[in-house]
Amino acid sequence: MLYGLRRGLTLLELLLAFSLITVVALIVTGLFLQLLQASAKRSDLTVGRVFAEATLEDVIRSGLYANTTAELEQGIYSHDASSQTQFFYRVTSNEAPCPPPSTKSGYLLDIEVWWWNDAPGQRRAQIGLTSTRLSRWVVP
């Protein structure tokens, strides 16, 4: 009986094991990079929405919503202080009557915020839509 003999791995077994480990490592790395990219997009979207909400509140608070349109930009960071994302925004206001029985009229305020593109509604490769939009009805 040859119980004392130890058999080592063959070259084919080593190659197969190394290949399997490499494939698993590449899949895990790819998933990690996709999660990182999705996290960065969610971060930009969150900052864009908070920025849109704050800008809309400023417009309402200051009373500058009567038939105005403005297109402006502001650099704020969404990932870290050294890499600022340039956010562009457009505020539009349209006067319209309130539904009956009210005799008042109000303003429909729209704000569009976009980043990484020249205009809202555009998509960026492998990221998707890079804009957000909020609306609010204001009755003075």
N, C-alpha and C. Protein backbone atom coordinates (compact mmCIF):
# COMPACT_ATOMS: atom_id res chain seq x y z
N MET A 1 0.82 -1.17 0.00
CA MET A 1 0.00 0.00 0.00
C MET A 1 0.87 1.24 0.00
N LEU A 2 0.40 2.22 -0.71
CA LEU A 2 1.18 3.45 -0.87
C LEU A 2 0.46 4.63 -0.23
N TYR A 3 0.13 4.50 1.04
CA TYR A 3 -0.56 5.60 1.71
C TYR A 3 0.36 6.78 1.98
N GLY A 4 1.59 6.62 2.04
CA GLY A 4 2.53 7.66 2.38
C GLY A 4 2.87 8.59 1.21
N LEU A 5 2.53 8.24 0.00
CA LEU A 5 2.84 9.07 -1.15
C LEU A 5 1.88 10.25 -1.24
N ARG A 6 2.40 11.42 -1.50
CA ARG A 6 1.57 12.60 -1.69
C ARG A 6 1.62 13.01 -3.14
N ARG A 7 0.50 13.18 -3.69
CA ARG A 7 0.41 13.54 -5.10
C ARG A 7 0.25 15.05 -5.21
N GLY A 8 1.01 15.72 -6.02
CA GLY A 8 0.91 17.15 -6.24
C GLY A 8 -0.09 17.47 -7.33
N LEU A 9 -0.32 18.76 -7.55
CA LEU A 9 -1.24 19.19 -8.60
C LEU A 9 -0.53 19.15 -9.95
N THR A 10 -1.27 18.76 -10.95
CA THR A 10 -0.70 18.76 -12.30
C THR A 10 -0.74 20.17 -12.85
N LEU A 11 -0.02 20.38 -13.91
CA LEU A 11 0.01 21.68 -14.56
C LEU A 11 -1.37 22.07 -15.06
N LEU A 12 -2.13 21.13 -15.57
CA LEU A 12 -3.47 21.41 -16.05
C LEU A 12 -4.39 21.83 -14.91
N GLU A 13 -4.28 21.19 -13.76
CA GLU A 13 -5.10 21.56 -12.61
C GLU A 13 -4.75 22.95 -12.10
N LEU A 14 -3.47 23.28 -12.09
CA LEU A 14 -3.05 24.62 -11.68
C LEU A 14 -3.55 25.68 -12.65
N LEU A 15 -3.46 25.40 -13.93
CA LEU A 15 -3.93 26.33 -14.95
C LEU A 15 -5.43 26.54 -14.84
N LEU A 16 -6.18 25.49 -14.63
CA LEU A 16 -7.63 25.59 -14.47
C LEU A 16 -8.00 26.39 -13.23
N ALA A 17 -7.33 26.14 -12.12
CA ALA A 17 -7.60 26.87 -10.88
C ALA A 17 -7.27 28.35 -11.04
N PHE A 18 -6.14 28.66 -11.66
CA PHE A 18 -5.76 30.06 -11.88
C PHE A 18 -6.76 30.76 -12.81
N SER A 19 -7.20 30.06 -13.84
CA SER A 19 -8.18 30.64 -14.77
C SER A 19 -9.50 30.92 -14.06
N LEU A 20 -9.94 30.01 -13.24
CA LEU A 20 -11.19 30.20 -12.51
C LEU A 20 -11.09 31.38 -11.54
N ILE A 21 -9.99 31.49 -10.84
CA ILE A 21 -9.78 32.62 -9.92
C ILE A 21 -9.74 33.94 -10.69
N THR A 22 -9.10 33.95 -11.85
CA THR A 22 -9.03 35.16 -12.67
C THR A 22 -10.41 35.58 -13.15
N VAL A 23 -11.22 34.65 -13.62
CA VAL A 23 -12.57 34.97 -14.09
C VAL A 23 -13.41 35.53 -12.94
N VAL A 24 -13.35 34.90 -11.78
CA VAL A 24 -14.11 35.39 -10.62
C VAL A 24 -13.64 36.78 -10.23
N ALA A 25 -12.33 37.02 -10.23
CA ALA A 25 -11.80 38.35 -9.88
C ALA A 25 -12.26 39.40 -10.88
N LEU A 26 -12.28 39.09 -12.16
CA LEU A 26 -12.73 40.04 -13.18
C LEU A 26 -14.22 40.35 -13.03
N ILE A 27 -15.02 39.35 -12.73
CA ILE A 27 -16.45 39.58 -12.53
C ILE A 27 -16.70 40.46 -11.31
N VAL A 28 -16.01 40.18 -10.22
CA VAL A 28 -16.17 40.98 -9.00
C VAL A 28 -15.71 42.42 -9.24
N THR A 29 -14.60 42.59 -9.96
CA THR A 29 -14.11 43.94 -10.27
C THR A 29 -15.12 44.69 -11.14
N GLY A 30 -15.68 44.02 -12.14
CA GLY A 30 -16.68 44.66 -12.99
C GLY A 30 -17.91 45.08 -12.21
N LEU A 31 -18.38 44.22 -11.33
CA LEU A 31 -19.53 44.57 -10.50
C LEU A 31 -19.22 45.74 -9.57
N PHE A 32 -18.03 45.74 -9.01
CA PHE A 32 -17.64 46.85 -8.14
C PHE A 32 -17.60 48.18 -8.91
N LEU A 33 -17.06 48.16 -10.12
CA LEU A 33 -17.00 49.39 -10.92
C LEU A 33 -18.40 49.86 -11.31
N GLN A 34 -19.31 48.95 -11.61
CA GLN A 34 -20.68 49.34 -11.91
C GLN A 34 -21.36 49.94 -10.69
N LEU A 35 -21.13 49.36 -9.53
CA LEU A 35 -21.70 49.93 -8.31
C LEU A 35 -21.14 51.31 -8.01
N LEU A 36 -19.86 51.48 -8.24
CA LEU A 36 -19.23 52.79 -8.03
C LEU A 36 -19.81 53.84 -8.98
N GLN A 37 -20.00 53.47 -10.23
CA GLN A 37 -20.57 54.39 -11.22
C GLN A 37 -22.01 54.73 -10.87
N ALA A 38 -22.80 53.74 -10.46
CA ALA A 38 -24.19 53.99 -10.07
C ALA A 38 -24.25 54.89 -8.84
N SER A 39 -23.33 54.70 -7.92
CA SER A 39 -23.29 55.53 -6.73
C SER A 39 -22.97 56.99 -7.08
N ALA A 40 -22.04 57.18 -7.99
CA ALA A 40 -21.70 58.54 -8.42
C ALA A 40 -22.88 59.20 -9.12
N LYS A 41 -23.62 58.44 -9.94
CA LYS A 41 -24.78 59.01 -10.62
C LYS A 41 -25.85 59.39 -9.60
N ARG A 42 -26.12 58.49 -8.63
CA ARG A 42 -27.11 58.81 -7.60
C ARG A 42 -26.69 60.03 -6.80
N SER A 43 -25.41 60.17 -6.54
CA SER A 43 -24.92 61.33 -5.81
C SER A 43 -25.18 62.61 -6.58
N ASP A 44 -24.87 62.60 -7.89
CA ASP A 44 -25.13 63.78 -8.72
C ASP A 44 -26.63 64.08 -8.81
N LEU A 45 -27.44 63.06 -8.93
CA LEU A 45 -28.88 63.25 -9.01
C LEU A 45 -29.43 63.82 -7.71
N THR A 46 -28.94 63.34 -6.58
CA THR A 46 -29.37 63.87 -5.29
C THR A 46 -28.97 65.33 -5.13
N VAL A 47 -27.73 65.65 -5.48
CA VAL A 47 -27.28 67.04 -5.39
C VAL A 47 -28.09 67.91 -6.34
N GLY A 48 -28.37 67.41 -7.55
CA GLY A 48 -29.18 68.17 -8.52
C GLY A 48 -30.58 68.43 -8.00
N ARG A 49 -31.19 67.45 -7.36
CA ARG A 49 -32.55 67.63 -6.82
C ARG A 49 -32.57 68.60 -5.64
N VAL A 50 -31.59 68.47 -4.77
CA VAL A 50 -31.51 69.39 -3.62
C VAL A 50 -31.25 70.81 -4.12
N PHE A 51 -30.37 70.94 -5.11
CA PHE A 51 -30.07 72.24 -5.70
C PHE A 51 -31.32 72.84 -6.34
N ALA A 52 -32.09 72.02 -7.08
CA ALA A 52 -33.32 72.49 -7.72
C ALA A 52 -34.33 72.94 -6.67
N GLU A 53 -34.50 72.16 -5.63
CA GLU A 53 -35.44 72.51 -4.57
C GLU A 53 -35.04 73.81 -3.88
N ALA A 54 -33.77 73.96 -3.56
CA ALA A 54 -33.29 75.18 -2.89
C ALA A 54 -33.44 76.40 -3.79
N THR A 55 -33.13 76.24 -5.08
CA THR A 55 -33.26 77.37 -6.01
C THR A 55 -34.72 77.76 -6.18
N LEU A 56 -35.60 76.77 -6.28
CA LEU A 56 -37.03 77.06 -6.40
C LEU A 56 -37.54 77.77 -5.15
N GLU A 57 -37.11 77.35 -3.99
CA GLU A 57 -37.50 78.02 -2.75
C GLU A 57 -37.01 79.46 -2.72
N ASP A 58 -35.79 79.70 -3.19
CA ASP A 58 -35.26 81.08 -3.24
C ASP A 58 -36.08 81.96 -4.17
N VAL A 59 -36.46 81.42 -5.32
CA VAL A 59 -37.27 82.18 -6.28
C VAL A 59 -38.62 82.52 -5.67
N ILE A 60 -39.25 81.57 -4.99
CA ILE A 60 -40.56 81.82 -4.37
C ILE A 60 -40.43 82.80 -3.22
N ARG A 61 -39.43 82.60 -2.38
CA ARG A 61 -39.24 83.48 -1.22
C ARG A 61 -38.98 84.93 -1.65
N SER A 62 -38.22 85.10 -2.72
CA SER A 62 -37.90 86.47 -3.16
C SER A 62 -38.98 87.07 -4.03
N GLY A 63 -39.98 86.27 -4.45
CA GLY A 63 -41.08 86.80 -5.25
C GLY A 63 -40.70 87.07 -6.69
N LEU A 64 -39.68 86.43 -7.21
CA LEU A 64 -39.21 86.67 -8.57
C LEU A 64 -39.82 85.70 -9.59
N TYR A 65 -41.02 85.25 -9.34
CA TYR A 65 -41.60 84.24 -10.20
C TYR A 65 -42.59 84.78 -11.22
N ALA A 66 -42.87 86.05 -11.24
CA ALA A 66 -43.86 86.61 -12.15
C ALA A 66 -43.31 86.70 -13.57
N ASN A 67 -43.63 85.69 -14.37
CA ASN A 67 -43.25 85.65 -15.80
C ASN A 67 -41.76 85.88 -16.03
N THR A 68 -40.95 85.14 -15.37
CA THR A 68 -39.51 85.26 -15.55
C THR A 68 -38.95 83.97 -16.12
N THR A 69 -37.89 84.12 -16.85
CA THR A 69 -37.13 82.97 -17.33
C THR A 69 -35.67 83.31 -17.12
N ALA A 70 -34.95 82.39 -16.52
CA ALA A 70 -33.52 82.61 -16.27
C ALA A 70 -32.78 81.32 -16.53
N GLU A 71 -31.62 81.43 -17.14
CA GLU A 71 -30.76 80.27 -17.35
C GLU A 71 -29.40 80.61 -16.77
N LEU A 72 -29.02 79.90 -15.73
CA LEU A 72 -27.81 80.22 -14.99
C LEU A 72 -27.01 78.96 -14.73
N GLU A 73 -25.84 79.13 -14.16
CA GLU A 73 -25.02 77.97 -13.82
C GLU A 73 -24.34 78.22 -12.49
N GLN A 74 -24.00 77.13 -11.84
CA GLN A 74 -23.30 77.22 -10.57
C GLN A 74 -22.48 75.95 -10.38
N GLY A 75 -21.27 76.11 -9.92
CA GLY A 75 -20.41 74.96 -9.65
C GLY A 75 -20.50 74.55 -8.20
N ILE A 76 -20.96 73.35 -7.97
CA ILE A 76 -20.99 72.80 -6.62
C ILE A 76 -20.46 71.38 -6.70
N TYR A 77 -19.94 70.90 -5.60
CA TYR A 77 -19.35 69.57 -5.68
C TYR A 77 -20.36 68.52 -5.23
N SER A 78 -20.27 67.36 -5.87
CA SER A 78 -21.17 66.28 -5.53
C SER A 78 -20.42 65.04 -5.08
N HIS A 79 -19.12 65.01 -5.28
CA HIS A 79 -18.33 63.85 -4.88
C HIS A 79 -17.31 64.23 -3.81
N ASP A 80 -16.49 65.21 -4.11
CA ASP A 80 -15.54 65.71 -3.13
C ASP A 80 -15.21 67.16 -3.49
N ALA A 81 -14.56 67.84 -2.59
CA ALA A 81 -14.32 69.28 -2.76
C ALA A 81 -13.40 69.60 -3.93
N SER A 82 -12.56 68.66 -4.34
CA SER A 82 -11.61 68.97 -5.40
C SER A 82 -12.19 68.75 -6.81
N SER A 83 -13.28 68.01 -6.92
CA SER A 83 -13.87 67.77 -8.25
C SER A 83 -15.29 68.30 -8.27
N GLN A 84 -15.43 69.54 -8.69
CA GLN A 84 -16.75 70.16 -8.73
C GLN A 84 -17.47 69.78 -10.01
N THR A 85 -18.75 69.56 -9.87
CA THR A 85 -19.62 69.32 -11.02
C THR A 85 -20.32 70.62 -11.33
N GLN A 86 -20.31 71.02 -12.59
CA GLN A 86 -20.96 72.25 -12.99
C GLN A 86 -22.44 71.96 -13.24
N PHE A 87 -23.30 72.58 -12.46
CA PHE A 87 -24.74 72.42 -12.60
C PHE A 87 -25.31 73.64 -13.30
N PHE A 88 -26.13 73.40 -14.31
CA PHE A 88 -26.81 74.46 -15.04
C PHE A 88 -28.29 74.36 -14.69
N TYR A 89 -28.97 75.50 -14.67
CA TYR A 89 -30.40 75.42 -14.38
C TYR A 89 -31.16 76.49 -15.13
N ARG A 90 -32.43 76.18 -15.37
CA ARG A 90 -33.33 77.09 -16.07
C ARG A 90 -34.62 77.15 -15.25
N VAL A 91 -35.04 78.37 -14.91
CA VAL A 91 -36.28 78.58 -14.19
C VAL A 91 -37.26 79.25 -15.14
N THR A 92 -38.44 78.68 -15.28
CA THR A 92 -39.50 79.30 -16.10
C THR A 92 -40.75 79.46 -15.25
N SER A 93 -41.52 80.48 -15.58
CA SER A 93 -42.73 80.78 -14.83
C SER A 93 -43.83 81.14 -15.82
N ASN A 94 -45.00 80.54 -15.65
CA ASN A 94 -46.15 80.84 -16.51
C ASN A 94 -47.35 81.14 -15.63
N GLU A 95 -47.99 82.27 -15.90
CA GLU A 95 -49.18 82.64 -15.14
C GLU A 95 -50.38 81.93 -15.72
N ALA A 96 -51.25 81.44 -14.82
CA ALA A 96 -52.46 80.75 -15.25
C ALA A 96 -53.52 80.92 -14.16
N PRO A 97 -54.80 80.90 -14.56
CA PRO A 97 -55.85 81.04 -13.55
C PRO A 97 -55.97 79.76 -12.72
N CYS A 98 -56.37 79.96 -11.47
CA CYS A 98 -56.64 78.82 -10.60
C CYS A 98 -57.95 78.16 -11.03
N PRO A 99 -58.12 76.90 -10.74
CA PRO A 99 -59.38 76.24 -11.11
C PRO A 99 -60.57 76.85 -10.37
N PRO A 100 -61.75 76.82 -10.98
CA PRO A 100 -62.95 77.37 -10.33
C PRO A 100 -63.21 76.63 -9.03
N PRO A 101 -63.76 77.22 -8.06
CA PRO A 101 -64.47 78.50 -7.99
C PRO A 101 -63.55 79.67 -7.67
N SER A 102 -62.25 79.44 -7.57
CA SER A 102 -61.32 80.52 -7.24
C SER A 102 -61.24 81.51 -8.39
N THR A 103 -61.09 82.78 -8.05
CA THR A 103 -60.93 83.82 -9.07
C THR A 103 -59.49 84.31 -9.14
N LYS A 104 -58.64 83.70 -8.36
CA LYS A 104 -57.23 84.10 -8.34
C LYS A 104 -56.49 83.48 -9.52
N SER A 105 -55.31 84.00 -9.74
CA SER A 105 -54.42 83.36 -10.71
C SER A 105 -53.13 83.02 -9.99
N GLY A 106 -52.43 82.05 -10.52
CA GLY A 106 -51.20 81.61 -9.90
C GLY A 106 -50.11 81.46 -10.94
N TYR A 107 -48.99 80.93 -10.52
CA TYR A 107 -47.83 80.74 -11.40
C TYR A 107 -47.36 79.30 -11.31
N LEU A 108 -47.14 78.73 -12.46
CA LEU A 108 -46.54 77.41 -12.52
C LEU A 108 -45.05 77.60 -12.72
N LEU A 109 -44.28 77.22 -11.71
CA LEU A 109 -42.83 77.36 -11.76
C LEU A 109 -42.21 76.02 -12.14
N ASP A 110 -41.33 76.04 -13.09
CA ASP A 110 -40.57 74.85 -13.49
C ASP A 110 -39.10 75.16 -13.35
N ILE A 111 -38.36 74.20 -12.84
CA ILE A 111 -36.91 74.33 -12.81
C ILE A 111 -36.32 73.05 -13.37
N GLU A 112 -35.40 73.22 -14.28
CA GLU A 112 -34.65 72.10 -14.83
C GLU A 112 -33.19 72.28 -14.44
N VAL A 113 -32.59 71.24 -13.93
CA VAL A 113 -31.18 71.26 -13.55
C VAL A 113 -30.50 70.15 -14.33
N TRP A 114 -29.37 70.47 -14.96
CA TRP A 114 -28.63 69.46 -15.69
C TRP A 114 -27.14 69.65 -15.48
N TRP A 115 -26.39 68.60 -15.74
CA TRP A 115 -24.94 68.60 -15.54
C TRP A 115 -24.32 67.69 -16.59
N TRP A 116 -23.07 67.94 -16.90
CA TRP A 116 -22.26 67.15 -17.83
C TRP A 116 -22.72 67.23 -19.28
N ASN A 117 -23.74 68.02 -19.60
CA ASN A 117 -24.23 68.15 -20.97
C ASN A 117 -24.53 69.61 -21.26
N ASP A 118 -24.80 69.88 -22.53
CA ASP A 118 -25.08 71.25 -22.95
C ASP A 118 -26.51 71.68 -22.68
N ALA A 119 -27.43 70.73 -22.57
CA ALA A 119 -28.83 71.06 -22.41
C ALA A 119 -29.53 69.96 -21.61
N PRO A 120 -30.68 70.29 -21.02
CA PRO A 120 -31.40 69.25 -20.26
C PRO A 120 -31.97 68.19 -21.19
N GLY A 121 -32.23 67.02 -20.63
CA GLY A 121 -32.84 65.95 -21.40
C GLY A 121 -31.87 65.11 -22.21
N GLN A 122 -30.60 65.45 -22.18
CA GLN A 122 -29.62 64.66 -22.92
C GLN A 122 -29.11 63.51 -22.06
N ARG A 123 -28.60 62.50 -22.72
CA ARG A 123 -28.06 61.34 -22.03
C ARG A 123 -26.57 61.27 -22.25
N ARG A 124 -25.90 60.68 -21.30
CA ARG A 124 -24.46 60.48 -21.40
C ARG A 124 -24.20 58.98 -21.48
N ALA A 125 -23.24 58.60 -22.32
CA ALA A 125 -22.95 57.19 -22.54
C ALA A 125 -22.64 56.49 -21.22
N GLN A 126 -23.24 55.36 -21.01
CA GLN A 126 -23.07 54.49 -19.86
C GLN A 126 -23.52 55.12 -18.54
N ILE A 127 -24.16 56.29 -18.60
CA ILE A 127 -24.64 56.93 -17.38
C ILE A 127 -26.14 57.15 -17.46
N GLY A 128 -26.61 57.58 -18.61
CA GLY A 128 -28.03 57.83 -18.77
C GLY A 128 -28.35 59.31 -18.63
N LEU A 129 -29.57 59.59 -18.24
CA LEU A 129 -30.07 60.96 -18.13
C LEU A 129 -29.33 61.70 -17.02
N THR A 130 -28.86 62.89 -17.34
CA THR A 130 -28.13 63.70 -16.36
C THR A 130 -28.84 65.03 -16.13
N SER A 131 -30.12 64.93 -15.79
CA SER A 131 -30.89 66.13 -15.48
C SER A 131 -32.04 65.74 -14.56
N THR A 132 -32.62 66.76 -13.94
CA THR A 132 -33.79 66.57 -13.11
C THR A 132 -34.68 67.79 -13.27
N ARG A 133 -35.96 67.61 -12.97
CA ARG A 133 -36.93 68.69 -13.17
C ARG A 133 -37.93 68.69 -12.02
N LEU A 134 -38.24 69.88 -11.54
CA LEU A 134 -39.24 70.05 -10.48
C LEU A 134 -40.23 71.11 -10.92
N SER A 135 -41.46 70.99 -10.47
CA SER A 135 -42.51 71.99 -10.74
C SER A 135 -43.23 72.31 -9.45
N ARG A 136 -43.74 73.53 -9.39
CA ARG A 136 -44.51 73.93 -8.23
C ARG A 136 -45.53 74.99 -8.64
N TRP A 137 -46.72 74.89 -8.08
CA TRP A 137 -47.77 75.86 -8.32
C TRP A 137 -47.75 76.85 -7.17
N VAL A 138 -47.67 78.15 -7.49
CA VAL A 138 -47.60 79.20 -6.48
C VAL A 138 -48.75 80.17 -6.69
N VAL A 139 -49.48 80.40 -5.61
CA VAL A 139 -50.57 81.39 -5.64
C VAL A 139 -50.18 82.49 -4.67
N PRO A 140 -49.89 83.69 -5.20
CA PRO A 140 -49.46 84.79 -4.31
C PRO A 140 -50.58 85.31 -3.42
